[in-house]
Amino acid sequence: MTDPSSTTLWLLILGTAAATMAIKAFGPVVLGGRQLPTAATRVLVLLPPVVLAALVATSALADGSTLEIDSSTAGVAAGGVLLWRGRHLLLAVLVAAAVTAVLRLLGVP
């Protein structure tokens, strides 16, 4: 017999998967090979960088329900400076991880 909470969890996972597939199928079904209007294309091109920036800001500055500046914030800032200065993405990720790790070793939360 399964635990009721695990059944609820699996139903939630399956429901989320089904909703995601429906959302992804909606665009091609509705458009049917037609071109999007120019205004919509301009907006859609801007969405990925904005969503990525929001995810980075949320993960770097939030801890659950509160805003918090900690070692991961410093790591993201260090990586961001390297990217801003035109350095390679892999270098920025490695430096961000190293800065975060060193600060945590020093006891910075």
N, C-alpha and C. Protein backbone atom coordinates (compact mmCIF):
# COMPACT_ATOMS: atom_id res chain seq x y z
N MET A 1 0.85 -1.18 0.00
CA MET A 1 0.00 0.00 0.00
C MET A 1 0.89 1.24 0.00
N THR A 2 0.53 2.22 -0.79
CA THR A 2 1.35 3.41 -0.88
C THR A 2 0.87 4.47 0.10
N ASP A 3 1.79 5.31 0.46
CA ASP A 3 1.50 6.42 1.35
C ASP A 3 0.65 7.45 0.60
N PRO A 4 -0.43 7.97 1.20
CA PRO A 4 -1.27 8.95 0.49
C PRO A 4 -0.49 10.19 0.03
N SER A 5 0.51 10.59 0.80
CA SER A 5 1.27 11.78 0.40
C SER A 5 2.12 11.49 -0.84
N SER A 6 2.62 10.25 -0.98
CA SER A 6 3.40 9.92 -2.18
C SER A 6 2.49 9.83 -3.40
N THR A 7 1.25 9.36 -3.21
CA THR A 7 0.30 9.33 -4.32
C THR A 7 -0.02 10.74 -4.78
N THR A 8 -0.22 11.64 -3.84
CA THR A 8 -0.49 13.03 -4.17
C THR A 8 0.70 13.64 -4.90
N LEU A 9 1.90 13.31 -4.46
CA LEU A 9 3.11 13.83 -5.10
C LEU A 9 3.19 13.36 -6.54
N TRP A 10 2.95 12.07 -6.78
CA TRP A 10 3.01 11.54 -8.14
C TRP A 10 1.92 12.13 -9.02
N LEU A 11 0.74 12.34 -8.47
CA LEU A 11 -0.33 12.98 -9.25
C LEU A 11 0.06 14.41 -9.62
N LEU A 12 0.70 15.11 -8.70
CA LEU A 12 1.17 16.46 -8.97
C LEU A 12 2.23 16.47 -10.06
N ILE A 13 3.16 15.52 -10.01
CA ILE A 13 4.22 15.43 -11.02
C ILE A 13 3.61 15.12 -12.39
N LEU A 14 2.70 14.16 -12.45
CA LEU A 14 2.08 13.80 -13.72
C LEU A 14 1.22 14.94 -14.26
N GLY A 15 0.51 15.63 -13.38
CA GLY A 15 -0.30 16.77 -13.81
C GLY A 15 0.56 17.90 -14.36
N THR A 16 1.68 18.15 -13.71
CA THR A 16 2.60 19.19 -14.18
C THR A 16 3.19 18.81 -15.53
N ALA A 17 3.56 17.54 -15.69
CA ALA A 17 4.09 17.08 -16.97
C ALA A 17 3.06 17.22 -18.08
N ALA A 18 1.82 16.85 -17.80
CA ALA A 18 0.76 16.97 -18.81
C ALA A 18 0.50 18.43 -19.16
N ALA A 19 0.47 19.29 -18.17
CA ALA A 19 0.26 20.72 -18.44
C ALA A 19 1.41 21.30 -19.26
N THR A 20 2.63 20.90 -18.97
CA THR A 20 3.79 21.38 -19.72
C THR A 20 3.71 20.94 -21.17
N MET A 21 3.36 19.67 -21.40
CA MET A 21 3.23 19.20 -22.78
C MET A 21 2.12 19.93 -23.51
N ALA A 22 1.00 20.19 -22.84
CA ALA A 22 -0.11 20.90 -23.48
C ALA A 22 0.30 22.33 -23.85
N ILE A 23 1.03 22.99 -22.95
CA ILE A 23 1.47 24.36 -23.23
C ILE A 23 2.44 24.38 -24.40
N LYS A 24 3.37 23.42 -24.44
CA LYS A 24 4.35 23.37 -25.53
C LYS A 24 3.69 23.04 -26.86
N ALA A 25 2.62 22.26 -26.85
CA ALA A 25 1.94 21.90 -28.10
C ALA A 25 1.00 22.99 -28.57
N PHE A 26 0.60 23.88 -27.69
CA PHE A 26 -0.39 24.92 -28.01
C PHE A 26 0.08 25.83 -29.15
N GLY A 27 1.31 26.28 -29.09
CA GLY A 27 1.82 27.21 -30.11
C GLY A 27 1.80 26.63 -31.51
N PRO A 28 2.44 25.49 -31.75
CA PRO A 28 2.42 24.93 -33.10
C PRO A 28 1.02 24.57 -33.59
N VAL A 29 0.15 24.12 -32.72
CA VAL A 29 -1.20 23.76 -33.13
C VAL A 29 -1.97 25.01 -33.55
N VAL A 30 -1.87 26.07 -32.77
CA VAL A 30 -2.60 27.30 -33.07
C VAL A 30 -2.03 28.01 -34.29
N LEU A 31 -0.71 28.10 -34.38
CA LEU A 31 -0.10 28.84 -35.48
C LEU A 31 -0.16 28.06 -36.80
N GLY A 32 0.04 26.76 -36.75
CA GLY A 32 -0.05 25.94 -37.95
C GLY A 32 0.91 26.36 -39.06
N GLY A 33 2.12 26.74 -38.74
CA GLY A 33 3.11 27.10 -39.75
C GLY A 33 3.07 28.55 -40.20
N ARG A 34 2.18 29.34 -39.65
CA ARG A 34 2.10 30.76 -40.01
C ARG A 34 3.18 31.55 -39.29
N GLN A 35 3.54 32.67 -39.85
CA GLN A 35 4.52 33.56 -39.23
C GLN A 35 3.86 34.38 -38.12
N LEU A 36 4.61 34.63 -37.08
CA LEU A 36 4.13 35.52 -36.02
C LEU A 36 4.20 36.96 -36.50
N PRO A 37 3.35 37.81 -35.96
CA PRO A 37 3.47 39.25 -36.29
C PRO A 37 4.83 39.78 -35.82
N THR A 38 5.31 40.79 -36.48
CA THR A 38 6.63 41.36 -36.17
C THR A 38 6.73 41.83 -34.72
N ALA A 39 5.69 42.45 -34.21
CA ALA A 39 5.72 42.93 -32.82
C ALA A 39 5.85 41.77 -31.85
N ALA A 40 5.16 40.67 -32.10
CA ALA A 40 5.25 39.50 -31.23
C ALA A 40 6.64 38.88 -31.29
N THR A 41 7.23 38.85 -32.47
CA THR A 41 8.57 38.29 -32.62
C THR A 41 9.59 39.12 -31.85
N ARG A 42 9.45 40.44 -31.90
CA ARG A 42 10.38 41.30 -31.15
C ARG A 42 10.28 41.06 -29.65
N VAL A 43 9.08 40.84 -29.16
CA VAL A 43 8.90 40.58 -27.73
C VAL A 43 9.45 39.21 -27.36
N LEU A 44 9.16 38.20 -28.18
CA LEU A 44 9.61 36.84 -27.89
C LEU A 44 11.13 36.72 -27.89
N VAL A 45 11.80 37.49 -28.72
CA VAL A 45 13.27 37.46 -28.76
C VAL A 45 13.85 37.98 -27.44
N LEU A 46 13.15 38.89 -26.80
CA LEU A 46 13.64 39.48 -25.55
C LEU A 46 13.34 38.63 -24.32
N LEU A 47 12.45 37.67 -24.43
CA LEU A 47 12.05 36.90 -23.25
C LEU A 47 13.16 36.03 -22.63
N PRO A 48 13.93 35.24 -23.39
CA PRO A 48 14.93 34.38 -22.74
C PRO A 48 15.94 35.12 -21.87
N PRO A 49 16.54 36.24 -22.33
CA PRO A 49 17.48 36.92 -21.44
C PRO A 49 16.82 37.47 -20.18
N VAL A 50 15.60 37.95 -20.31
CA VAL A 50 14.91 38.51 -19.15
C VAL A 50 14.58 37.42 -18.14
N VAL A 51 14.10 36.28 -18.62
CA VAL A 51 13.77 35.17 -17.72
C VAL A 51 15.05 34.65 -17.05
N LEU A 52 16.13 34.52 -17.82
CA LEU A 52 17.40 34.06 -17.24
C LEU A 52 17.91 35.04 -16.19
N ALA A 53 17.82 36.33 -16.47
CA ALA A 53 18.25 37.32 -15.48
C ALA A 53 17.40 37.25 -14.22
N ALA A 54 16.11 37.03 -14.37
CA ALA A 54 15.23 36.91 -13.20
C ALA A 54 15.59 35.67 -12.38
N LEU A 55 15.89 34.57 -13.05
CA LEU A 55 16.27 33.35 -12.32
C LEU A 55 17.59 33.53 -11.59
N VAL A 56 18.56 34.17 -12.24
CA VAL A 56 19.86 34.40 -11.59
C VAL A 56 19.69 35.33 -10.40
N ALA A 57 18.94 36.41 -10.57
CA ALA A 57 18.74 37.36 -9.47
C ALA A 57 18.01 36.70 -8.31
N THR A 58 17.01 35.89 -8.61
CA THR A 58 16.27 35.22 -7.54
C THR A 58 17.15 34.23 -6.79
N SER A 59 17.93 33.44 -7.51
CA SER A 59 18.76 32.45 -6.83
C SER A 59 19.94 33.10 -6.11
N ALA A 60 20.41 34.25 -6.59
CA ALA A 60 21.56 34.90 -5.96
C ALA A 60 21.16 35.76 -4.77
N LEU A 61 19.95 36.25 -4.76
CA LEU A 61 19.56 37.20 -3.72
C LEU A 61 18.47 36.71 -2.78
N ALA A 62 17.87 35.58 -3.04
CA ALA A 62 16.75 35.13 -2.21
C ALA A 62 17.09 33.83 -1.51
N ASP A 63 16.64 33.73 -0.28
CA ASP A 63 16.78 32.51 0.49
C ASP A 63 15.41 32.15 1.04
N GLY A 64 14.66 31.39 0.27
CA GLY A 64 13.30 31.07 0.69
C GLY A 64 12.39 32.25 0.47
N SER A 65 11.96 32.88 1.54
CA SER A 65 11.01 33.99 1.41
C SER A 65 11.63 35.34 1.73
N THR A 66 12.93 35.37 2.01
CA THR A 66 13.58 36.64 2.35
C THR A 66 14.72 36.94 1.39
N LEU A 67 15.02 38.22 1.26
CA LEU A 67 16.19 38.62 0.49
C LEU A 67 17.43 38.46 1.36
N GLU A 68 18.48 37.92 0.77
CA GLU A 68 19.69 37.68 1.54
C GLU A 68 20.90 37.80 0.62
N ILE A 69 21.87 38.59 1.05
CA ILE A 69 23.13 38.71 0.32
C ILE A 69 24.14 37.84 1.06
N ASP A 70 24.69 36.86 0.33
CA ASP A 70 25.62 35.92 0.96
C ASP A 70 26.75 35.58 -0.01
N SER A 71 27.43 34.48 0.24
CA SER A 71 28.58 34.11 -0.58
C SER A 71 28.19 33.80 -2.02
N SER A 72 27.01 33.24 -2.24
CA SER A 72 26.60 32.96 -3.62
C SER A 72 26.35 34.25 -4.39
N THR A 73 25.90 35.29 -3.70
CA THR A 73 25.71 36.58 -4.34
C THR A 73 27.05 37.14 -4.82
N ALA A 74 28.07 36.99 -3.99
CA ALA A 74 29.41 37.46 -4.38
C ALA A 74 29.95 36.65 -5.55
N GLY A 75 29.69 35.34 -5.56
CA GLY A 75 30.13 34.50 -6.67
C GLY A 75 29.46 34.89 -7.97
N VAL A 76 28.16 35.11 -7.93
CA VAL A 76 27.45 35.53 -9.14
C VAL A 76 27.96 36.89 -9.60
N ALA A 77 28.22 37.79 -8.68
CA ALA A 77 28.75 39.11 -9.05
C ALA A 77 30.12 38.98 -9.71
N ALA A 78 30.97 38.12 -9.17
CA ALA A 78 32.30 37.93 -9.77
C ALA A 78 32.19 37.36 -11.18
N GLY A 79 31.32 36.37 -11.35
CA GLY A 79 31.11 35.81 -12.68
C GLY A 79 30.52 36.83 -13.64
N GLY A 80 29.59 37.64 -13.14
CA GLY A 80 28.98 38.67 -13.97
C GLY A 80 29.98 39.71 -14.43
N VAL A 81 30.90 40.08 -13.55
CA VAL A 81 31.93 41.06 -13.94
C VAL A 81 32.80 40.49 -15.05
N LEU A 82 33.17 39.21 -14.93
CA LEU A 82 33.99 38.60 -15.98
C LEU A 82 33.25 38.56 -17.31
N LEU A 83 31.97 38.22 -17.28
CA LEU A 83 31.19 38.21 -18.52
C LEU A 83 31.05 39.61 -19.10
N TRP A 84 30.86 40.58 -18.23
CA TRP A 84 30.74 41.96 -18.66
C TRP A 84 32.03 42.43 -19.34
N ARG A 85 33.16 41.94 -18.83
CA ARG A 85 34.45 42.31 -19.39
C ARG A 85 34.81 41.48 -20.62
N GLY A 86 33.90 40.61 -21.06
CA GLY A 86 34.11 39.86 -22.29
C GLY A 86 34.87 38.56 -22.14
N ARG A 87 34.97 38.06 -20.94
CA ARG A 87 35.67 36.80 -20.72
C ARG A 87 34.78 35.62 -21.10
N HIS A 88 35.37 34.45 -21.20
CA HIS A 88 34.67 33.23 -21.61
C HIS A 88 33.69 32.79 -20.51
N LEU A 89 32.57 32.21 -20.94
CA LEU A 89 31.52 31.78 -20.01
C LEU A 89 32.04 30.73 -19.03
N LEU A 90 32.83 29.78 -19.52
CA LEU A 90 33.35 28.73 -18.63
C LEU A 90 34.24 29.33 -17.54
N LEU A 91 35.06 30.30 -17.89
CA LEU A 91 35.90 30.97 -16.90
C LEU A 91 35.04 31.68 -15.86
N ALA A 92 33.98 32.34 -16.31
CA ALA A 92 33.10 33.05 -15.39
C ALA A 92 32.42 32.08 -14.42
N VAL A 93 31.98 30.94 -14.92
CA VAL A 93 31.33 29.95 -14.05
C VAL A 93 32.33 29.39 -13.03
N LEU A 94 33.54 29.09 -13.49
CA LEU A 94 34.55 28.55 -12.57
C LEU A 94 34.94 29.57 -11.50
N VAL A 95 35.12 30.82 -11.90
CA VAL A 95 35.46 31.86 -10.93
C VAL A 95 34.31 32.08 -9.95
N ALA A 96 33.09 32.08 -10.45
CA ALA A 96 31.93 32.25 -9.56
C ALA A 96 31.87 31.13 -8.53
N ALA A 97 32.11 29.90 -8.97
CA ALA A 97 32.10 28.76 -8.04
C ALA A 97 33.25 28.87 -7.04
N ALA A 98 34.42 29.28 -7.52
CA ALA A 98 35.58 29.40 -6.64
C ALA A 98 35.38 30.49 -5.60
N VAL A 99 34.86 31.63 -6.01
CA VAL A 99 34.62 32.73 -5.06
C VAL A 99 33.61 32.30 -4.01
N THR A 100 32.55 31.65 -4.43
CA THR A 100 31.54 31.16 -3.48
C THR A 100 32.15 30.16 -2.52
N ALA A 101 32.93 29.22 -3.04
CA ALA A 101 33.53 28.19 -2.18
C ALA A 101 34.51 28.79 -1.18
N VAL A 102 35.35 29.72 -1.62
CA VAL A 102 36.33 30.33 -0.71
C VAL A 102 35.63 31.12 0.38
N LEU A 103 34.60 31.87 0.02
CA LEU A 103 33.88 32.64 1.02
C LEU A 103 33.19 31.72 2.03
N ARG A 104 32.66 30.60 1.57
CA ARG A 104 32.03 29.65 2.50
C ARG A 104 33.07 29.00 3.40
N LEU A 105 34.26 28.75 2.86
CA LEU A 105 35.34 28.19 3.69
C LEU A 105 35.77 29.19 4.77
N LEU A 106 35.68 30.48 4.44
CA LEU A 106 36.04 31.52 5.40
C LEU A 106 34.94 31.79 6.42
N GLY A 107 33.80 31.13 6.24
CA GLY A 107 32.71 31.29 7.19
C GLY A 107 31.65 32.28 6.83
N VAL A 108 31.75 32.86 5.63
CA VAL A 108 30.69 33.77 5.19
C VAL A 108 29.48 32.91 4.80
N PRO A 109 28.32 33.24 5.33
CA PRO A 109 27.16 32.37 5.03
C PRO A 109 26.77 32.34 3.57
